[in-house]
Amino acid sequence: MQSMKPSASLQKGYSNISVSSEGTPKRVYIKKSKYSVLAVRDKEQCERITDEIELYRLLEEGAEDIRAGRTRPFDIVMQELRMKINGEKL
């Protein structure tokens, strides 16, 4: 869901442009003349989007490791992790 607000809303105060995370995601576009110049989202939405971008970055980093051959057998990695958790030397 989205709404369109005139740029004068910024001058009238925060309550005129605030967005709510209740229910469906909402964004507010601030327009000047006939064009949107700013999009406002609530904090939770921004954090979710930032987290998704970071996840995609990590997935791409992992895919690059696979392409470059920087991989190790799963069973060996798990064995090393178990040893580390149990405080054993590798």
PDB file of N, CA and C in Angstrom:
ATOM      1  N   MET A   1       0.853  -1.172   0.000  1.00  0.00           N
ATOM      2  CA  MET A   1       0.000   0.000   0.000  1.00  0.00           C
ATOM      3  C   MET A   1       0.893   1.226   0.000  1.00  0.00           C
ATOM      4  N   GLN A   2       0.470   2.244  -0.692  1.00  0.00           N
ATOM      5  CA  GLN A   2       1.236   3.473  -0.760  1.00  0.00           C
ATOM      6  C   GLN A   2       0.303   4.665  -0.749  1.00  0.00           C
ATOM      7  N   SER A   3       0.871   5.810  -0.417  1.00  0.00           N
ATOM      8  CA  SER A   3       0.093   7.043  -0.515  1.00  0.00           C
ATOM      9  C   SER A   3       1.009   8.133  -1.055  1.00  0.00           C
ATOM     10  N   MET A   4       0.403   9.171  -1.546  1.00  0.00           N
ATOM     11  CA  MET A   4       1.130  10.281  -2.135  1.00  0.00           C
ATOM     12  C   MET A   4       0.825  11.519  -1.312  1.00  0.00           C
ATOM     13  N   LYS A   5       1.873  12.233  -0.901  1.00  0.00           N
ATOM     14  CA  LYS A   5       1.709  13.451  -0.099  1.00  0.00           C
ATOM     15  C   LYS A   5       2.453  14.594  -0.780  1.00  0.00           C
ATOM     16  N   PRO A   6       1.930  15.805  -0.685  1.00  0.00           N
ATOM     17  CA  PRO A   6       2.658  16.945  -1.242  1.00  0.00           C
ATOM     18  C   PRO A   6       3.868  17.286  -0.374  1.00  0.00           C
ATOM     19  N   SER A   7       4.882  17.907  -0.976  1.00  0.00           N
ATOM     20  CA  SER A   7       6.091  18.247  -0.225  1.00  0.00           C
ATOM     21  C   SER A   7       5.787  19.180   0.938  1.00  0.00           C
ATOM     22  N   ALA A   8       4.698  19.926   0.878  1.00  0.00           N
ATOM     23  CA  ALA A   8       4.319  20.818   1.979  1.00  0.00           C
ATOM     24  C   ALA A   8       4.049  20.031   3.262  1.00  0.00           C
ATOM     25  N   SER A   9       3.766  18.724   3.136  1.00  0.00           N
ATOM     26  CA  SER A   9       3.543  17.891   4.322  1.00  0.00           C
ATOM     27  C   SER A   9       4.756  17.876   5.231  1.00  0.00           C
ATOM     28  N   LEU A  10       5.947  17.992   4.640  1.00  0.00           N
ATOM     29  CA  LEU A  10       7.166  18.015   5.443  1.00  0.00           C
ATOM     30  C   LEU A  10       7.203  19.242   6.348  1.00  0.00           C
ATOM     31  N   GLN A  11       6.715  20.342   5.858  1.00  0.00           N
ATOM     32  CA  GLN A  11       6.718  21.572   6.637  1.00  0.00           C
ATOM     33  C   GLN A  11       5.666  21.551   7.733  1.00  0.00           C
ATOM     34  N   LYS A  12       4.599  20.791   7.532  1.00  0.00           N
ATOM     35  CA  LYS A  12       3.501  20.760   8.501  1.00  0.00           C
ATOM     36  C   LYS A  12       3.787  19.843   9.676  1.00  0.00           C
ATOM     37  N   GLY A  13       4.778  18.953   9.551  1.00  0.00           N
ATOM     38  CA  GLY A  13       5.131  18.117  10.682  1.00  0.00           C
ATOM     39  C   GLY A  13       5.158  16.636  10.367  1.00  0.00           C
ATOM     40  N   TYR A  14       5.787  15.917  11.268  1.00  0.00           N
ATOM     41  CA  TYR A  14       6.000  14.476  11.114  1.00  0.00           C
ATOM     42  C   TYR A  14       4.697  13.703  10.975  1.00  0.00           C
ATOM     43  N   SER A  15       3.689  14.061  11.734  1.00  0.00           N
ATOM     44  CA  SER A  15       2.446  13.284  11.723  1.00  0.00           C
ATOM     45  C   SER A  15       1.779  13.283  10.348  1.00  0.00           C
ATOM     46  N   ASN A  16       2.115  14.234   9.531  1.00  0.00           N
ATOM     47  CA  ASN A  16       1.535  14.289   8.188  1.00  0.00           C
ATOM     48  C   ASN A  16       2.163  13.283   7.222  1.00  0.00           C
ATOM     49  N   ILE A  17       3.358  12.785   7.545  1.00  0.00           N
ATOM     50  CA  ILE A  17       4.023  11.851   6.632  1.00  0.00           C
ATOM     51  C   ILE A  17       4.362  10.518   7.278  1.00  0.00           C
ATOM     52  N   SER A  18       4.012  10.315   8.550  1.00  0.00           N
ATOM     53  CA  SER A  18       4.393   9.082   9.214  1.00  0.00           C
ATOM     54  C   SER A  18       3.756   7.880   8.519  1.00  0.00           C
ATOM     55  N   VAL A  19       4.450   6.740   8.632  1.00  0.00           N
ATOM     56  CA  VAL A  19       3.962   5.494   8.058  1.00  0.00           C
ATOM     57  C   VAL A  19       3.832   4.480   9.177  1.00  0.00           C
ATOM     58  N   SER A  20       2.966   3.521   8.981  1.00  0.00           N
ATOM     59  CA  SER A  20       2.697   2.540  10.018  1.00  0.00           C
ATOM     60  C   SER A  20       3.020   1.145   9.518  1.00  0.00           C
ATOM     61  N   SER A  21       3.578   0.306  10.410  1.00  0.00           N
ATOM     62  CA  SER A  21       3.860  -1.074  10.036  1.00  0.00           C
ATOM     63  C   SER A  21       2.682  -1.984  10.379  1.00  0.00           C
ATOM     64  N   GLU A  22       1.622  -1.413  10.889  1.00  0.00           N
ATOM     65  CA  GLU A  22       0.447  -2.214  11.215  1.00  0.00           C
ATOM     66  C   GLU A  22      -0.231  -2.680   9.929  1.00  0.00           C
ATOM     67  N   GLY A  23      -0.516  -3.969   9.857  1.00  0.00           N
ATOM     68  CA  GLY A  23      -1.197  -4.488   8.672  1.00  0.00           C
ATOM     69  C   GLY A  23      -0.271  -4.578   7.486  1.00  0.00           C
ATOM     70  N   THR A  24      -0.736  -4.070   6.371  1.00  0.00           N
ATOM     71  CA  THR A  24       0.052  -4.173   5.140  1.00  0.00           C
ATOM     72  C   THR A  24       1.206  -3.170   5.139  1.00  0.00           C
ATOM     73  N   PRO A  25       2.332  -3.543   4.505  1.00  0.00           N
ATOM     74  CA  PRO A  25       3.452  -2.597   4.403  1.00  0.00           C
ATOM     75  C   PRO A  25       2.993  -1.320   3.707  1.00  0.00           C
ATOM     76  N   LYS A  26       3.480  -0.217   4.176  1.00  0.00           N
ATOM     77  CA  LYS A  26       3.046   1.061   3.638  1.00  0.00           C
ATOM     78  C   LYS A  26       4.259   1.923   3.341  1.00  0.00           C
ATOM     79  N   ARG A  27       4.180   2.654   2.278  1.00  0.00           N
ATOM     80  CA  ARG A  27       5.194   3.649   1.979  1.00  0.00           C
ATOM     81  C   ARG A  27       4.486   4.931   1.561  1.00  0.00           C
ATOM     82  N   VAL A  28       5.147   6.029   1.820  1.00  0.00           N
ATOM     83  CA  VAL A  28       4.598   7.331   1.466  1.00  0.00           C
ATOM     84  C   VAL A  28       5.571   7.981   0.498  1.00  0.00           C
ATOM     85  N   TYR A  29       5.055   8.461  -0.623  1.00  0.00           N
ATOM     86  CA  TYR A  29       5.864   9.195  -1.582  1.00  0.00           C
ATOM     87  C   TYR A  29       5.597  10.679  -1.388  1.00  0.00           C
ATOM     88  N   ILE A  30       6.664  11.439  -1.276  1.00  0.00           N
ATOM     89  CA  ILE A  30       6.541  12.891  -1.188  1.00  0.00           C
ATOM     90  C   ILE A  30       6.754  13.431  -2.600  1.00  0.00           C
ATOM     91  N   LYS A  31       5.825  14.250  -3.041  1.00  0.00           N
ATOM     92  CA  LYS A  31       5.935  14.769  -4.404  1.00  0.00           C
ATOM     93  C   LYS A  31       6.119  16.279  -4.393  1.00  0.00           C
ATOM     94  N   LYS A  32       6.851  16.733  -5.394  1.00  0.00           N
ATOM     95  CA  LYS A  32       7.024  18.163  -5.619  1.00  0.00           C
ATOM     96  C   LYS A  32       6.607  18.390  -7.053  1.00  0.00           C
ATOM     97  N   SER A  33       5.743  19.317  -7.256  1.00  0.00           N
ATOM     98  CA  SER A  33       5.083  19.489  -8.552  1.00  0.00           C
ATOM     99  C   SER A  33       4.328  18.192  -8.828  1.00  0.00           C
ATOM    100  N   LYS A  34       4.603  17.530  -9.928  1.00  0.00           N
ATOM    101  CA  LYS A  34       3.889  16.291 -10.248  1.00  0.00           C
ATOM    102  C   LYS A  34       4.765  15.062 -10.066  1.00  0.00           C
ATOM    103  N   TYR A  35       5.983  15.230  -9.549  1.00  0.00           N
ATOM    104  CA  TYR A  35       6.940  14.129  -9.509  1.00  0.00           C
ATOM    105  C   TYR A  35       7.253  13.692  -8.090  1.00  0.00           C
ATOM    106  N   SER A  36       7.382  12.386  -7.894  1.00  0.00           N
ATOM    107  CA  SER A  36       7.801  11.853  -6.602  1.00  0.00           C
ATOM    108  C   SER A  36       9.283  12.146  -6.417  1.00  0.00           C
ATOM    109  N   VAL A  37       9.634  12.694  -5.266  1.00  0.00           N
ATOM    110  CA  VAL A  37      11.030  13.028  -5.010  1.00  0.00           C
ATOM    111  C   VAL A  37      11.595  12.308  -3.787  1.00  0.00           C
ATOM    112  N   LEU A  38      10.733  11.652  -3.001  1.00  0.00           N
ATOM    113  CA  LEU A  38      11.182  11.017  -1.779  1.00  0.00           C
ATOM    114  C   LEU A  38      10.221   9.891  -1.418  1.00  0.00           C
ATOM    115  N   ALA A  39      10.763   8.762  -0.983  1.00  0.00           N
ATOM    116  CA  ALA A  39       9.924   7.670  -0.504  1.00  0.00           C
ATOM    117  C   ALA A  39      10.241   7.455   0.973  1.00  0.00           C
ATOM    118  N   VAL A  40       9.209   7.340   1.783  1.00  0.00           N
ATOM    119  CA  VAL A  40       9.356   7.156   3.222  1.00  0.00           C
ATOM    120  C   VAL A  40       8.780   5.797   3.589  1.00  0.00           C
ATOM    121  N   ARG A  41       9.545   5.028   4.373  1.00  0.00           N
ATOM    122  CA  ARG A  41       9.088   3.727   4.873  1.00  0.00           C
ATOM    123  C   ARG A  41       9.287   3.695   6.377  1.00  0.00           C
ATOM    124  N   ASP A  42       8.582   2.799   7.056  1.00  0.00           N
ATOM    125  CA  ASP A  42       8.784   2.714   8.495  1.00  0.00           C
ATOM    126  C   ASP A  42      10.087   1.977   8.807  1.00  0.00           C
ATOM    127  N   LYS A  43      10.540   2.106  10.037  1.00  0.00           N
ATOM    128  CA  LYS A  43      11.835   1.572  10.468  1.00  0.00           C
ATOM    129  C   LYS A  43      11.929   0.068  10.256  1.00  0.00           C
ATOM    130  N   GLU A  44      10.887  -0.676  10.588  1.00  0.00           N
ATOM    131  CA  GLU A  44      10.912  -2.134  10.454  1.00  0.00           C
ATOM    132  C   GLU A  44      11.102  -2.552   8.994  1.00  0.00           C
ATOM    133  N   GLN A  45      10.433  -1.867   8.089  1.00  0.00           N
ATOM    134  CA  GLN A  45      10.577  -2.179   6.664  1.00  0.00           C
ATOM    135  C   GLN A  45      12.001  -1.896   6.197  1.00  0.00           C
ATOM    136  N   CYS A  46      12.557  -0.773   6.616  1.00  0.00           N
ATOM    137  CA  CYS A  46      13.934  -0.439   6.227  1.00  0.00           C
ATOM    138  C   CYS A  46      14.913  -1.475   6.746  1.00  0.00           C
ATOM    139  N   GLU A  47      14.744  -1.914   7.978  1.00  0.00           N
ATOM    140  CA  GLU A  47      15.634  -2.927   8.544  1.00  0.00           C
ATOM    141  C   GLU A  47      15.499  -4.251   7.795  1.00  0.00           C
ATOM    142  N   ARG A  48      14.281  -4.634   7.436  1.00  0.00           N
ATOM    143  CA  ARG A  48      14.065  -5.880   6.703  1.00  0.00           C
ATOM    144  C   ARG A  48      14.732  -5.816   5.337  1.00  0.00           C
ATOM    145  N   ILE A  49      14.562  -4.706   4.658  1.00  0.00           N
ATOM    146  CA  ILE A  49      15.173  -4.541   3.344  1.00  0.00           C
ATOM    147  C   ILE A  49      16.697  -4.583   3.458  1.00  0.00           C
ATOM    148  N   THR A  50      17.243  -3.903   4.461  1.00  0.00           N
ATOM    149  CA  THR A  50      18.695  -3.919   4.674  1.00  0.00           C
ATOM    150  C   THR A  50      19.185  -5.329   4.959  1.00  0.00           C
ATOM    151  N   ASP A  51      18.448  -6.071   5.779  1.00  0.00           N
ATOM    152  CA  ASP A  51      18.820  -7.462   6.080  1.00  0.00           C
ATOM    153  C   ASP A  51      18.782  -8.331   4.821  1.00  0.00           C
ATOM    154  N   GLU A  52      17.779  -8.134   3.976  1.00  0.00           N
ATOM    155  CA  GLU A  52      17.684  -8.905   2.737  1.00  0.00           C
ATOM    156  C   GLU A  52      18.856  -8.603   1.804  1.00  0.00           C
ATOM    157  N   ILE A  53      19.227  -7.338   1.710  1.00  0.00           N
ATOM    158  CA  ILE A  53      20.362  -6.967   0.869  1.00  0.00           C
ATOM    159  C   ILE A  53      21.637  -7.628   1.386  1.00  0.00           C
ATOM    160  N   GLU A  54      21.828  -7.634   2.694  1.00  0.00           N
ATOM    161  CA  GLU A  54      23.007  -8.281   3.282  1.00  0.00           C
ATOM    162  C   GLU A  54      22.995  -9.780   3.009  1.00  0.00           C
ATOM    163  N   LEU A  55      21.829 -10.414   3.108  1.00  0.00           N
ATOM    164  CA  LEU A  55      21.716 -11.841   2.816  1.00  0.00           C
ATOM    165  C   LEU A  55      22.100 -12.122   1.360  1.00  0.00           C
ATOM    166  N   TYR A  56      21.592 -11.317   0.432  1.00  0.00           N
ATOM    167  CA  TYR A  56      21.950 -11.502  -0.980  1.00  0.00           C
ATOM    168  C   TYR A  56      23.449 -11.331  -1.196  1.00  0.00           C
ATOM    169  N   ARG A  57      24.058 -10.368  -0.491  1.00  0.00           N
ATOM    170  CA  ARG A  57      25.498 -10.160  -0.607  1.00  0.00           C
ATOM    171  C   ARG A  57      26.262 -11.386  -0.132  1.00  0.00           C
ATOM    172  N   LEU A  58      25.845 -11.948   1.001  1.00  0.00           N
ATOM    173  CA  LEU A  58      26.502 -13.143   1.528  1.00  0.00           C
ATOM    174  C   LEU A  58      26.304 -14.350   0.617  1.00  0.00           C
ATOM    175  N   LEU A  59      25.114 -14.482   0.047  1.00  0.00           N
ATOM    176  CA  LEU A  59      24.867 -15.574  -0.890  1.00  0.00           C
ATOM    177  C   LEU A  59      25.751 -15.444  -2.130  1.00  0.00           C
ATOM    178  N   GLU A  60      25.899 -14.235  -2.624  1.00  0.00           N
ATOM    179  CA  GLU A  60      26.765 -14.016  -3.790  1.00  0.00           C
ATOM    180  C   GLU A  60      28.223 -14.305  -3.432  1.00  0.00           C
ATOM    181  N   GLU A  61      28.631 -13.919  -2.241  1.00  0.00           N
ATOM    182  CA  GLU A  61      29.989 -14.213  -1.780  1.00  0.00           C
ATOM    183  C   GLU A  61      30.212 -15.724  -1.733  1.00  0.00           C
ATOM    184  N   GLY A  62      29.237 -16.464  -1.236  1.00  0.00           N
ATOM    185  CA  GLY A  62      29.335 -17.920  -1.198  1.00  0.00           C
ATOM    186  C   GLY A  62      29.366 -18.533  -2.584  1.00  0.00           C
ATOM    187  N   ALA A  63      28.550 -17.998  -3.486  1.00  0.00           N
ATOM    188  CA  ALA A  63      28.546 -18.498  -4.859  1.00  0.00           C
ATOM    189  C   ALA A  63      29.895 -18.243  -5.529  1.00  0.00           C
ATOM    190  N   GLU A  64      30.496 -17.103  -5.235  1.00  0.00           N
ATOM    191  CA  GLU A  64      31.826 -16.800  -5.786  1.00  0.00           C
ATOM    192  C   GLU A  64      32.868 -17.774  -5.240  1.00  0.00           C
ATOM    193  N   ASP A  65      32.768 -18.109  -3.960  1.00  0.00           N
ATOM    194  CA  ASP A  65      33.681 -19.112  -3.381  1.00  0.00           C
ATOM    195  C   ASP A  65      33.540 -20.448  -4.098  1.00  0.00           C
ATOM    196  N   ILE A  66      32.313 -20.840  -4.384  1.00  0.00           N
ATOM    197  CA  ILE A  66      32.079 -22.110  -5.087  1.00  0.00           C
ATOM    198  C   ILE A  66      32.694 -22.048  -6.485  1.00  0.00           C
ATOM    199  N   ARG A  67      32.450 -20.941  -7.194  1.00  0.00           N
ATOM    200  CA  ARG A  67      33.009 -20.803  -8.544  1.00  0.00           C
ATOM    201  C   ARG A  67      34.536 -20.841  -8.528  1.00  0.00           C
ATOM    202  N   ALA A  68      35.144 -20.284  -7.467  1.00  0.00           N
ATOM    203  CA  ALA A  68      36.604 -20.219  -7.372  1.00  0.00           C
ATOM    204  C   ALA A  68      37.200 -21.499  -6.768  1.00  0.00           C
ATOM    205  N   GLY A  69      36.345 -22.436  -6.392  1.00  0.00           N
ATOM    206  CA  GLY A  69      36.840 -23.693  -5.832  1.00  0.00           C
ATOM    207  C   GLY A  69      37.243 -23.615  -4.370  1.00  0.00           C
ATOM    208  N   ARG A  70      36.808 -22.573  -3.676  1.00  0.00           N
ATOM    209  CA  ARG A  70      37.128 -22.431  -2.247  1.00  0.00           C
ATOM    210  C   ARG A  70      36.050 -23.143  -1.420  1.00  0.00           C
ATOM    211  N   THR A  71      36.049 -24.454  -1.500  1.00  0.00           N
ATOM    212  CA  THR A  71      35.069 -25.261  -0.771  1.00  0.00           C
ATOM    213  C   THR A  71      35.789 -26.367  -0.005  1.00  0.00           C
ATOM    214  N   ARG A  72      35.083 -26.921   0.987  1.00  0.00           N
ATOM    215  CA  ARG A  72      35.600 -28.038   1.777  1.00  0.00           C
ATOM    216  C   ARG A  72      34.467 -29.029   1.975  1.00  0.00           C
ATOM    217  N   PRO A  73      34.787 -30.294   2.139  1.00  0.00           N
ATOM    218  CA  PRO A  73      33.741 -31.299   2.345  1.00  0.00           C
ATOM    219  C   PRO A  73      32.928 -31.004   3.618  1.00  0.00           C
ATOM    220  N   PHE A  74      31.622 -31.156   3.512  1.00  0.00           N
ATOM    221  CA  PHE A  74      30.703 -30.864   4.609  1.00  0.00           C
ATOM    222  C   PHE A  74      31.035 -31.653   5.871  1.00  0.00           C
ATOM    223  N   ASP A  75      31.295 -32.944   5.728  1.00  0.00           N
ATOM    224  CA  ASP A  75      31.540 -33.779   6.913  1.00  0.00           C
ATOM    225  C   ASP A  75      32.794 -33.343   7.665  1.00  0.00           C
ATOM    226  N   ILE A  76      33.808 -32.879   6.967  1.00  0.00           N
ATOM    227  CA  ILE A  76      35.027 -32.412   7.640  1.00  0.00           C
ATOM    228  C   ILE A  76      34.744 -31.106   8.388  1.00  0.00           C
ATOM    229  N   VAL A  77      34.021 -30.200   7.755  1.00  0.00           N
ATOM    230  CA  VAL A  77      33.684 -28.931   8.406  1.00  0.00           C
ATOM    231  C   VAL A  77      32.852 -29.189   9.656  1.00  0.00           C
ATOM    232  N   MET A  78      31.866 -30.086   9.570  1.00  0.00           N
ATOM    233  CA  MET A  78      31.026 -30.398  10.736  1.00  0.00           C
ATOM    234  C   MET A  78      31.849 -31.024  11.854  1.00  0.00           C
ATOM    235  N   GLN A  79      32.758 -31.900  11.506  1.00  0.00           N
ATOM    236  CA  GLN A  79      33.619 -32.524  12.510  1.00  0.00           C
ATOM    237  C   GLN A  79      34.455 -31.458  13.219  1.00  0.00           C
ATOM    238  N   GLU A  80      35.022 -30.530  12.465  1.00  0.00           N
ATOM    239  CA  GLU A  80      35.811 -29.454  13.064  1.00  0.00           C
ATOM    240  C   GLU A  80      34.956 -28.559  13.958  1.00  0.00           C
ATOM    241  N   LEU A  81      33.737 -28.274  13.541  1.00  0.00           N
ATOM    242  CA  LEU A  81      32.845 -27.463  14.369  1.00  0.00           C
ATOM    243  C   LEU A  81      32.499 -28.162  15.678  1.00  0.00           C
ATOM    244  N   ARG A  82      32.216 -29.462  15.603  1.00  0.00           N
ATOM    245  CA  ARG A  82      31.913 -30.221  16.824  1.00  0.00           C
ATOM    246  C   ARG A  82      33.100 -30.212  17.775  1.00  0.00           C
ATOM    247  N   MET A  83      34.292 -30.376  17.229  1.00  0.00           N
ATOM    248  CA  MET A  83      35.497 -30.361  18.064  1.00  0.00           C
ATOM    249  C   MET A  83      35.673 -28.990  18.710  1.00  0.00           C
ATOM    250  N   LYS A  84      35.434 -27.932  17.949  1.00  0.00           N
ATOM    251  CA  LYS A  84      35.567 -26.575  18.484  1.00  0.00           C
ATOM    252  C   LYS A  84      34.549 -26.329  19.589  1.00  0.00           C
ATOM    253  N   ILE A  85      33.312 -26.766  19.387  1.00  0.00           N
ATOM    254  CA  ILE A  85      32.264 -26.593  20.390  1.00  0.00           C
ATOM    255  C   ILE A  85      32.626 -27.332  21.675  1.00  0.00           C
ATOM    256  N   ASN A  86      33.187 -28.528  21.526  1.00  0.00           N
ATOM    257  CA  ASN A  86      33.557 -29.348  22.695  1.00  0.00           C
ATOM    258  C   ASN A  86      34.893 -28.945  23.294  1.00  0.00           C
ATOM    259  N   GLY A  87      35.546 -27.915  22.748  1.00  0.00           N
ATOM    260  CA  GLY A  87      36.804 -27.435  23.286  1.00  0.00           C
ATOM    261  C   GLY A  87      38.001 -28.323  22.950  1.00  0.00           C
ATOM    262  N   GLU A  88      37.857 -29.172  21.954  1.00  0.00           N
ATOM    263  CA  GLU A  88      38.951 -30.056  21.566  1.00  0.00           C
ATOM    264  C   GLU A  88      39.875 -29.328  20.597  1.00  0.00           C
ATOM    265  N   LYS A  89      41.138 -29.751  20.582  1.00  0.00           N
ATOM    266  CA  LYS A  89      42.105 -29.188  19.635  1.00  0.00           C
ATOM    267  C   LYS A  89      41.901 -29.825  18.276  1.00  0.00           C
ATOM    268  N   LEU A  90      42.103 -29.034  17.226  1.00  0.00           N
ATOM    269  CA  LEU A  90      41.980 -29.541  15.855  1.00  0.00           C
ATOM    270  C   LEU A  90      43.228 -30.273  15.440  1.00  0.00           C
TER     271      LEU A  90
END
